[in-house]
């Protein structure tokens, strides 16, 4: 049941990230990288504040009671946003998304392998290494097709 709900949500979430990346890449040409990232985060923060106030039930832990290192996720999100905003106008949306996904998978594999951040340890095996190689090939082919189209 969870997979039936989770998979479509994840696919839609991935589509939303690609759309957001394309939109923010275009916006950064009209404004600048920092303004684009700032606008994106301000709008998201306003929406999240409304959701927390009106929808989310009270939680035992708040941002004031969790370990400080767990708040670092926001910094990583900001870094990702800036990287995407810089990359999309230069290498295109598809290559940017594949590169972001490759980075997420590589970090996910490291987190799994070492059991970082309190996660269950899942050892890196040849199948996972092969997946990284295939993803690197996909990134190369997408980037190569971008370069060929620009030259024409």
N, C-alpha and C. Protein backbone atom coordinates (compact mmCIF):
# COMPACT_ATOMS: atom_id res chain seq x y z
N UNK A 1 0.83 -1.20 0.00
CA UNK A 1 0.00 0.00 0.00
C UNK A 1 0.87 1.26 0.00
N UNK A 2 1.92 1.26 0.84
CA UNK A 2 2.79 2.43 0.92
C UNK A 2 3.48 2.67 -0.42
N UNK A 3 3.96 1.61 -1.08
CA UNK A 3 4.62 1.76 -2.37
C UNK A 3 3.65 2.30 -3.42
N UNK A 4 2.42 1.87 -3.37
CA UNK A 4 1.40 2.34 -4.32
C UNK A 4 1.22 3.85 -4.21
N UNK A 5 1.29 4.38 -3.02
CA UNK A 5 1.15 5.82 -2.80
C UNK A 5 2.48 6.54 -2.96
N UNK A 6 3.55 5.94 -2.44
CA UNK A 6 4.85 6.60 -2.43
C UNK A 6 5.43 6.79 -3.83
N UNK A 7 5.35 5.77 -4.67
CA UNK A 7 5.96 5.87 -5.99
C UNK A 7 5.36 6.99 -6.83
N UNK A 8 4.03 7.08 -6.95
CA UNK A 8 3.49 8.22 -7.72
C UNK A 8 3.85 9.57 -7.10
N UNK A 9 3.84 9.67 -5.78
CA UNK A 9 4.22 10.93 -5.13
C UNK A 9 5.67 11.29 -5.43
N UNK A 10 6.55 10.28 -5.41
CA UNK A 10 7.96 10.53 -5.70
C UNK A 10 8.15 10.94 -7.16
N UNK A 11 7.44 10.30 -8.06
CA UNK A 11 7.54 10.67 -9.48
C UNK A 11 7.03 12.09 -9.70
N UNK A 12 5.92 12.44 -9.09
CA UNK A 12 5.38 13.79 -9.21
C UNK A 12 6.34 14.80 -8.55
N UNK A 13 6.92 14.41 -7.41
CA UNK A 13 7.90 15.27 -6.75
C UNK A 13 9.11 15.51 -7.64
N UNK A 14 9.59 14.47 -8.30
CA UNK A 14 10.71 14.62 -9.23
C UNK A 14 10.36 15.52 -10.40
N UNK A 15 9.14 15.37 -10.91
CA UNK A 15 8.68 16.23 -12.00
C UNK A 15 8.60 17.68 -11.53
N UNK A 16 8.17 17.87 -10.30
CA UNK A 16 8.08 19.23 -9.75
C UNK A 16 9.47 19.85 -9.63
N UNK A 17 10.46 19.06 -9.23
CA UNK A 17 11.83 19.58 -9.12
C UNK A 17 12.35 19.99 -10.49
N UNK A 18 12.07 19.16 -11.52
CA UNK A 18 12.52 19.52 -12.87
C UNK A 18 11.84 20.80 -13.35
N UNK A 19 10.54 20.92 -13.11
CA UNK A 19 9.82 22.14 -13.51
C UNK A 19 10.34 23.34 -12.74
N UNK A 20 10.54 23.17 -11.44
CA UNK A 20 11.06 24.26 -10.63
C UNK A 20 12.45 24.68 -11.12
N UNK A 21 13.27 23.71 -11.47
CA UNK A 21 14.62 24.01 -11.95
C UNK A 21 14.57 24.83 -13.23
N UNK A 22 13.72 24.42 -14.16
CA UNK A 22 13.60 25.16 -15.42
C UNK A 22 13.09 26.58 -15.18
N UNK A 23 12.09 26.71 -14.34
CA UNK A 23 11.52 28.02 -14.03
C UNK A 23 12.56 28.90 -13.34
N UNK A 24 13.26 28.35 -12.35
CA UNK A 24 14.25 29.14 -11.63
C UNK A 24 15.45 29.48 -12.50
N UNK A 25 15.82 28.58 -13.41
CA UNK A 25 16.92 28.89 -14.33
C UNK A 25 16.58 30.08 -15.21
N UNK A 26 15.35 30.12 -15.71
CA UNK A 26 14.89 31.25 -16.53
C UNK A 26 14.80 32.53 -15.69
N UNK A 27 14.29 32.39 -14.47
CA UNK A 27 14.19 33.56 -13.59
C UNK A 27 15.56 34.14 -13.29
N UNK A 28 16.56 33.28 -13.11
CA UNK A 28 17.90 33.77 -12.77
C UNK A 28 18.52 34.60 -13.88
N UNK A 29 18.07 34.39 -15.12
CA UNK A 29 18.56 35.20 -16.24
C UNK A 29 17.97 36.61 -16.15
N UNK A 30 16.73 36.69 -15.68
CA UNK A 30 16.06 38.00 -15.57
C UNK A 30 16.46 38.75 -14.30
N UNK A 31 16.79 38.01 -13.24
CA UNK A 31 17.21 38.66 -11.98
C UNK A 31 18.69 38.32 -11.78
N UNK A 32 18.99 37.51 -10.82
CA UNK A 32 20.33 36.97 -10.61
C UNK A 32 20.20 35.72 -9.76
N UNK A 33 21.29 35.02 -9.56
CA UNK A 33 21.27 33.73 -8.87
C UNK A 33 20.78 33.87 -7.43
N UNK A 34 21.34 34.82 -6.71
CA UNK A 34 20.99 34.97 -5.29
C UNK A 34 19.53 35.41 -5.13
N UNK A 35 19.08 36.34 -5.95
CA UNK A 35 17.68 36.79 -5.87
C UNK A 35 16.73 35.65 -6.18
N UNK A 36 17.06 34.85 -7.20
CA UNK A 36 16.22 33.71 -7.55
C UNK A 36 16.13 32.73 -6.40
N UNK A 37 17.27 32.37 -5.83
CA UNK A 37 17.27 31.44 -4.69
C UNK A 37 16.50 32.03 -3.52
N UNK A 38 16.68 33.32 -3.27
CA UNK A 38 15.99 33.98 -2.17
C UNK A 38 14.48 33.97 -2.39
N UNK A 39 14.05 34.34 -3.58
CA UNK A 39 12.61 34.35 -3.88
C UNK A 39 12.00 32.96 -3.71
N UNK A 40 12.68 31.95 -4.20
CA UNK A 40 12.20 30.58 -4.08
C UNK A 40 12.04 30.18 -2.62
N UNK A 41 13.04 30.51 -1.81
CA UNK A 41 12.98 30.13 -0.40
C UNK A 41 11.96 30.94 0.38
N UNK A 42 11.78 32.21 0.05
CA UNK A 42 10.79 33.03 0.74
C UNK A 42 9.38 32.50 0.46
N UNK A 43 9.09 32.25 -0.82
CA UNK A 43 7.77 31.74 -1.18
C UNK A 43 7.53 30.39 -0.49
N UNK A 44 8.52 29.50 -0.54
CA UNK A 44 8.38 28.20 0.11
C UNK A 44 8.18 28.35 1.61
N UNK A 45 8.90 29.26 2.23
CA UNK A 45 8.78 29.48 3.68
C UNK A 45 7.39 29.98 4.06
N UNK A 46 6.85 30.89 3.27
CA UNK A 46 5.51 31.40 3.56
C UNK A 46 4.49 30.27 3.47
N UNK A 47 4.59 29.45 2.43
CA UNK A 47 3.67 28.32 2.27
C UNK A 47 3.81 27.35 3.44
N UNK A 48 5.04 27.06 3.82
CA UNK A 48 5.26 26.11 4.92
C UNK A 48 4.79 26.65 6.26
N UNK A 49 4.95 27.94 6.50
CA UNK A 49 4.45 28.53 7.75
C UNK A 49 2.93 28.37 7.82
N UNK A 50 2.26 28.64 6.72
CA UNK A 50 0.80 28.48 6.69
C UNK A 50 0.43 27.02 6.96
N UNK A 51 1.13 26.08 6.32
CA UNK A 51 0.84 24.66 6.54
C UNK A 51 1.09 24.23 7.98
N UNK A 52 2.19 24.71 8.56
CA UNK A 52 2.50 24.36 9.95
C UNK A 52 1.44 24.92 10.90
N UNK A 53 1.03 26.13 10.68
CA UNK A 53 0.05 26.77 11.58
C UNK A 53 -1.33 26.12 11.46
N UNK A 54 -1.76 25.84 10.24
CA UNK A 54 -3.15 25.41 10.05
C UNK A 54 -3.36 23.92 9.82
N UNK A 55 -2.33 23.18 9.44
CA UNK A 55 -2.54 21.77 9.10
C UNK A 55 -1.75 20.80 9.97
N UNK A 56 -0.51 21.10 10.20
CA UNK A 56 0.38 20.17 10.91
C UNK A 56 0.00 20.07 12.39
N UNK A 57 -0.16 18.84 12.88
CA UNK A 57 -0.43 18.70 14.31
C UNK A 57 0.83 19.04 15.12
N UNK A 58 0.68 19.44 16.36
CA UNK A 58 1.84 19.77 17.20
C UNK A 58 2.79 18.57 17.29
N UNK A 59 4.08 18.85 17.25
CA UNK A 59 5.11 17.81 17.32
C UNK A 59 5.84 17.89 18.66
N UNK A 60 6.34 16.74 19.09
CA UNK A 60 7.11 16.71 20.34
C UNK A 60 8.43 17.46 20.16
N UNK A 61 9.05 17.30 18.99
CA UNK A 61 10.32 17.97 18.71
C UNK A 61 10.08 19.19 17.83
N UNK A 62 10.79 20.26 18.12
CA UNK A 62 10.72 21.45 17.29
C UNK A 62 12.13 21.80 16.85
N UNK A 63 12.27 22.82 16.02
CA UNK A 63 13.60 23.20 15.58
C UNK A 63 14.48 23.67 16.74
N UNK A 64 13.85 23.98 17.87
CA UNK A 64 14.63 24.43 19.02
C UNK A 64 15.07 23.28 19.92
N UNK A 65 14.57 22.08 19.65
CA UNK A 65 14.92 20.96 20.52
C UNK A 65 15.70 19.84 19.81
N UNK A 66 15.84 19.92 18.49
CA UNK A 66 16.59 18.88 17.79
C UNK A 66 18.07 19.24 17.79
N UNK A 67 18.94 18.25 17.61
CA UNK A 67 20.37 18.56 17.53
C UNK A 67 20.67 19.55 16.39
N UNK A 68 21.60 20.45 16.63
CA UNK A 68 21.92 21.49 15.66
C UNK A 68 22.30 20.92 14.30
N UNK A 69 23.02 19.80 14.28
CA UNK A 69 23.46 19.24 13.00
C UNK A 69 22.27 18.84 12.11
N UNK A 70 21.12 18.55 12.72
CA UNK A 70 19.96 18.18 11.92
C UNK A 70 19.35 19.39 11.20
N UNK A 71 19.67 20.57 11.64
CA UNK A 71 19.20 21.78 10.95
C UNK A 71 20.04 22.09 9.71
N UNK A 72 21.16 21.37 9.53
CA UNK A 72 22.03 21.59 8.38
C UNK A 72 21.35 21.25 7.06
N UNK A 73 20.27 20.47 7.11
CA UNK A 73 19.55 20.14 5.89
C UNK A 73 19.12 21.37 5.12
N UNK A 74 18.79 22.43 5.83
CA UNK A 74 18.39 23.68 5.17
C UNK A 74 19.55 24.27 4.37
N UNK A 75 20.75 24.17 4.91
CA UNK A 75 21.92 24.68 4.19
C UNK A 75 22.15 23.90 2.91
N UNK A 76 21.99 22.58 2.99
CA UNK A 76 22.17 21.75 1.80
C UNK A 76 21.11 22.07 0.75
N UNK A 77 19.89 22.32 1.19
CA UNK A 77 18.83 22.69 0.26
C UNK A 77 19.13 24.00 -0.45
N UNK A 78 19.66 24.97 0.29
CA UNK A 78 20.02 26.26 -0.32
C UNK A 78 21.15 26.09 -1.32
N UNK A 79 22.14 25.28 -0.96
CA UNK A 79 23.26 25.03 -1.87
C UNK A 79 22.75 24.39 -3.16
N UNK A 80 21.87 23.40 -3.02
CA UNK A 80 21.30 22.73 -4.20
C UNK A 80 20.56 23.71 -5.08
N UNK A 81 19.76 24.57 -4.48
CA UNK A 81 18.99 25.55 -5.24
C UNK A 81 19.91 26.46 -6.04
N UNK A 82 20.96 26.96 -5.42
CA UNK A 82 21.89 27.85 -6.11
C UNK A 82 22.60 27.09 -7.24
N UNK A 83 23.02 25.86 -6.98
CA UNK A 83 23.69 25.07 -8.02
C UNK A 83 22.77 24.86 -9.22
N UNK A 84 21.51 24.55 -8.96
CA UNK A 84 20.54 24.34 -10.04
C UNK A 84 20.32 25.62 -10.83
N UNK A 85 20.16 26.73 -10.14
CA UNK A 85 19.91 28.01 -10.79
C UNK A 85 21.10 28.41 -11.67
N UNK A 86 22.30 28.10 -11.25
CA UNK A 86 23.49 28.39 -12.05
C UNK A 86 23.58 27.45 -13.25
N UNK A 87 23.27 26.18 -13.05
CA UNK A 87 23.49 25.17 -14.09
C UNK A 87 22.46 25.19 -15.22
N UNK A 88 21.19 25.35 -14.90
CA UNK A 88 20.14 25.21 -15.93
C UNK A 88 20.37 26.09 -17.16
N UNK A 89 20.65 27.38 -17.01
CA UNK A 89 20.86 28.19 -18.22
C UNK A 89 22.11 27.78 -19.01
N UNK A 90 23.03 27.10 -18.38
CA UNK A 90 24.30 26.76 -19.03
C UNK A 90 24.30 25.37 -19.67
N UNK A 91 23.70 24.38 -19.00
CA UNK A 91 23.76 23.01 -19.54
C UNK A 91 22.38 22.42 -19.81
N UNK A 92 21.33 23.16 -19.50
CA UNK A 92 19.97 22.69 -19.75
C UNK A 92 19.36 22.00 -18.55
N UNK A 93 18.05 21.86 -18.58
CA UNK A 93 17.32 21.27 -17.46
C UNK A 93 17.61 19.79 -17.31
N UNK A 94 17.58 19.04 -18.41
CA UNK A 94 17.76 17.58 -18.32
C UNK A 94 19.13 17.23 -17.76
N UNK A 95 20.19 17.84 -18.29
CA UNK A 95 21.54 17.53 -17.78
C UNK A 95 21.67 17.95 -16.32
N UNK A 96 21.07 19.08 -15.96
CA UNK A 96 21.12 19.53 -14.56
C UNK A 96 20.44 18.53 -13.64
N UNK A 97 19.25 18.07 -14.03
CA UNK A 97 18.51 17.13 -13.19
C UNK A 97 19.24 15.80 -13.08
N UNK A 98 19.80 15.31 -14.19
CA UNK A 98 20.54 14.04 -14.11
C UNK A 98 21.76 14.20 -13.21
N UNK A 99 22.44 15.34 -13.30
CA UNK A 99 23.60 15.57 -12.43
C UNK A 99 23.19 15.65 -10.97
N UNK A 100 22.09 16.35 -10.70
CA UNK A 100 21.58 16.44 -9.32
C UNK A 100 21.21 15.05 -8.81
N UNK A 101 20.53 14.27 -9.64
CA UNK A 101 20.14 12.91 -9.24
C UNK A 101 21.38 12.06 -9.01
N UNK A 102 22.38 12.20 -9.88
CA UNK A 102 23.63 11.44 -9.69
C UNK A 102 24.26 11.79 -8.35
N UNK A 103 24.31 13.08 -8.04
CA UNK A 103 24.85 13.50 -6.75
C UNK A 103 24.04 12.97 -5.58
N UNK A 104 22.72 12.98 -5.73
CA UNK A 104 21.86 12.44 -4.66
C UNK A 104 22.09 10.95 -4.47
N UNK A 105 22.20 10.23 -5.58
CA UNK A 105 22.40 8.78 -5.47
C UNK A 105 23.76 8.47 -4.86
N UNK A 106 24.80 9.16 -5.30
CA UNK A 106 26.13 8.92 -4.74
C UNK A 106 26.13 9.19 -3.24
N UNK A 107 25.55 10.31 -2.83
CA UNK A 107 25.49 10.61 -1.40
C UNK A 107 24.62 9.61 -0.67
N UNK A 108 23.49 9.23 -1.29
CA UNK A 108 22.62 8.22 -0.68
C UNK A 108 23.34 6.90 -0.48
N UNK A 109 24.14 6.50 -1.46
CA UNK A 109 24.91 5.26 -1.34
C UNK A 109 25.94 5.35 -0.21
N UNK A 110 26.57 6.51 -0.09
CA UNK A 110 27.53 6.70 1.02
C UNK A 110 26.83 6.66 2.37
N UNK A 111 25.68 7.35 2.46
CA UNK A 111 24.91 7.35 3.71
C UNK A 111 24.51 5.92 4.06
N UNK A 112 24.00 5.18 3.06
CA UNK A 112 23.61 3.79 3.30
C UNK A 112 24.81 2.94 3.70
N UNK A 113 25.90 3.06 2.95
CA UNK A 113 27.07 2.21 3.19
C UNK A 113 27.64 2.39 4.60
N UNK A 114 27.73 3.63 5.03
CA UNK A 114 28.34 3.91 6.33
C UNK A 114 27.31 4.05 7.45
N UNK A 115 26.02 4.07 7.11
CA UNK A 115 24.98 4.21 8.12
C UNK A 115 24.99 5.58 8.78
N UNK A 116 25.38 6.60 8.02
CA UNK A 116 25.46 7.96 8.57
C UNK A 116 24.09 8.49 8.97
N UNK A 117 24.09 9.43 9.87
CA UNK A 117 22.90 10.17 10.31
C UNK A 117 21.84 9.26 10.93
N UNK A 118 22.26 8.15 11.49
CA UNK A 118 21.33 7.25 12.16
C UNK A 118 20.55 6.35 11.23
N UNK A 119 20.97 6.23 9.99
CA UNK A 119 20.28 5.37 9.02
C UNK A 119 20.81 3.94 9.07
N UNK A 120 19.99 3.02 8.60
CA UNK A 120 20.37 1.62 8.54
C UNK A 120 21.52 1.45 7.55
N UNK A 121 22.50 0.63 7.91
CA UNK A 121 23.64 0.40 7.04
C UNK A 121 23.28 -0.61 5.95
N UNK A 122 23.51 -0.21 4.70
CA UNK A 122 23.32 -1.08 3.53
C UNK A 122 24.62 -1.01 2.74
N UNK A 123 25.34 -2.13 2.70
CA UNK A 123 26.68 -2.16 2.13
C UNK A 123 26.66 -1.90 0.62
N UNK A 124 27.64 -1.13 0.17
CA UNK A 124 27.81 -0.84 -1.25
C UNK A 124 28.30 -2.10 -1.95
N UNK A 125 27.54 -2.58 -2.93
CA UNK A 125 27.93 -3.79 -3.65
C UNK A 125 28.09 -3.49 -5.14
N UNK A 126 28.45 -4.50 -5.92
CA UNK A 126 28.72 -4.29 -7.34
C UNK A 126 27.49 -3.79 -8.11
N UNK A 127 26.29 -4.18 -7.68
CA UNK A 127 25.08 -3.72 -8.36
C UNK A 127 24.91 -2.21 -8.20
N UNK A 128 25.21 -1.73 -7.03
CA UNK A 128 25.08 -0.29 -6.78
C UNK A 128 26.17 0.49 -7.52
N UNK A 129 27.37 -0.07 -7.59
CA UNK A 129 28.44 0.57 -8.34
C UNK A 129 28.08 0.60 -9.82
N UNK A 130 27.51 -0.50 -10.34
CA UNK A 130 27.07 -0.55 -11.74
C UNK A 130 26.00 0.51 -12.01
N UNK A 131 25.10 0.73 -11.06
CA UNK A 131 24.07 1.76 -11.21
C UNK A 131 24.70 3.14 -11.34
N UNK A 132 25.73 3.42 -10.56
CA UNK A 132 26.43 4.71 -10.65
C UNK A 132 27.06 4.86 -12.03
N UNK A 133 27.68 3.79 -12.52
CA UNK A 133 28.31 3.84 -13.85
C UNK A 133 27.27 4.11 -14.94
N UNK A 134 26.13 3.44 -14.86
CA UNK A 134 25.07 3.67 -15.85
C UNK A 134 24.54 5.09 -15.78
N UNK A 135 24.39 5.60 -14.58
CA UNK A 135 23.92 6.97 -14.42
C UNK A 135 24.94 7.96 -14.97
N UNK A 136 26.23 7.69 -14.75
CA UNK A 136 27.28 8.55 -15.31
C UNK A 136 27.21 8.52 -16.84
N UNK A 137 26.95 7.35 -17.40
CA UNK A 137 26.79 7.24 -18.85
C UNK A 137 25.61 8.05 -19.36
N UNK A 138 24.50 7.99 -18.63
CA UNK A 138 23.32 8.76 -19.01
C UNK A 138 23.62 10.25 -18.98
N UNK A 139 24.29 10.70 -17.94
CA UNK A 139 24.65 12.12 -17.84
C UNK A 139 25.54 12.53 -19.00
N UNK A 140 26.51 11.69 -19.33
CA UNK A 140 27.41 12.00 -20.44
C UNK A 140 26.64 12.11 -21.76
N UNK A 141 25.76 11.16 -22.02
CA UNK A 141 25.00 11.17 -23.28
C UNK A 141 24.06 12.38 -23.37
N UNK A 142 23.42 12.73 -22.28
CA UNK A 142 22.53 13.91 -22.28
C UNK A 142 23.34 15.17 -22.50
N UNK A 143 24.46 15.28 -21.80
CA UNK A 143 25.32 16.46 -21.97
C UNK A 143 25.86 16.53 -23.39
N UNK A 144 26.29 15.40 -23.92
CA UNK A 144 26.81 15.34 -25.29
C UNK A 144 25.76 15.78 -26.30
N UNK A 145 24.53 15.35 -26.11
CA UNK A 145 23.46 15.77 -27.04
C UNK A 145 23.20 17.27 -26.92
N UNK A 146 23.35 17.84 -25.73
CA UNK A 146 23.20 19.29 -25.56
C UNK A 146 24.27 20.03 -26.33
N UNK A 147 25.52 19.56 -26.23
CA UNK A 147 26.65 20.22 -26.89
C UNK A 147 26.47 20.18 -28.40
N UNK A 148 26.04 19.04 -28.94
CA UNK A 148 25.84 18.91 -30.39
C UNK A 148 24.75 19.85 -30.88
N UNK A 149 23.69 20.03 -30.11
CA UNK A 149 22.60 20.90 -30.54
C UNK A 149 23.02 22.36 -30.52
N UNK A 150 23.86 22.74 -29.58
CA UNK A 150 24.32 24.12 -29.49
C UNK A 150 25.24 24.44 -30.66
N UNK A 151 26.06 23.47 -31.10
CA UNK A 151 27.00 23.69 -32.19
C UNK A 151 26.27 23.92 -33.50
N UNK A 152 25.17 23.21 -33.75
CA UNK A 152 24.44 23.31 -35.02
C UNK A 152 23.99 24.68 -35.29
